[in-house]
């Protein structure tokens, strides 16, 4: 074997050994999905990144840290489920999920200490975390976000929708929202920018509330801190 071939073989060997030592694994899978179906995603720790596309498929790519057992992907009667499975002891590692879904899907994401990011999803979104941050793009459909200590950042395009956002200690930032907004936090700060609002209800117990934007004729507005 020539020196160059030997060096290449040793490089591959060392790379494989490093991957095994780190405990990281990769996972990829695609399943058929309905254009207006339901997608449920759950992860304990790490990250969840969801993007909408025009294909009738759900594509999952994941990097799994040490302690993650597997990723289960299933589909049944228009519902696709993506679940990161960790040991029952609850001491599993992190998983970074990158999921592409049909853009008109109804999306639910549940996480514990994982950050959640969505873009290009035009269906209803329900995003929940405990300590992770949430970053979401608004596309005219209803949106419900809940976080305990994570921050929430939302960016819309001026399309009216019903928005419900709640945190305990996290901050909420909304840009170019429209429609009906209900936002609440205990100790976080609310910063809201609305292109057009039919109703606004924003409350912070010990944090600040900053609002700018336009109200439609006859709109209801209630903001307290």
Foldseek 3Di string as FASTA:
>chain_A
DDPVVVVVVVVVVVVVVVCVVQQKDKDKDKDFADLAFAEEEEFEAEAEEEEEDAHRMKIKIKIAGAQWDDWDWDDDDRYIYIYTHGDPVPPGDHMYIYMYHNQNYAYEYEYEAYAYEYYSRAHEYEYEYEQYAYEYEYRQEEYEYEYENYAYEYEYQQHAYEYEEEYEQYEYAYYAYEEHYAYEYENYEYAYEYQEYQEYHYEYNNYYYHYDYYYDVPHYYHYYD
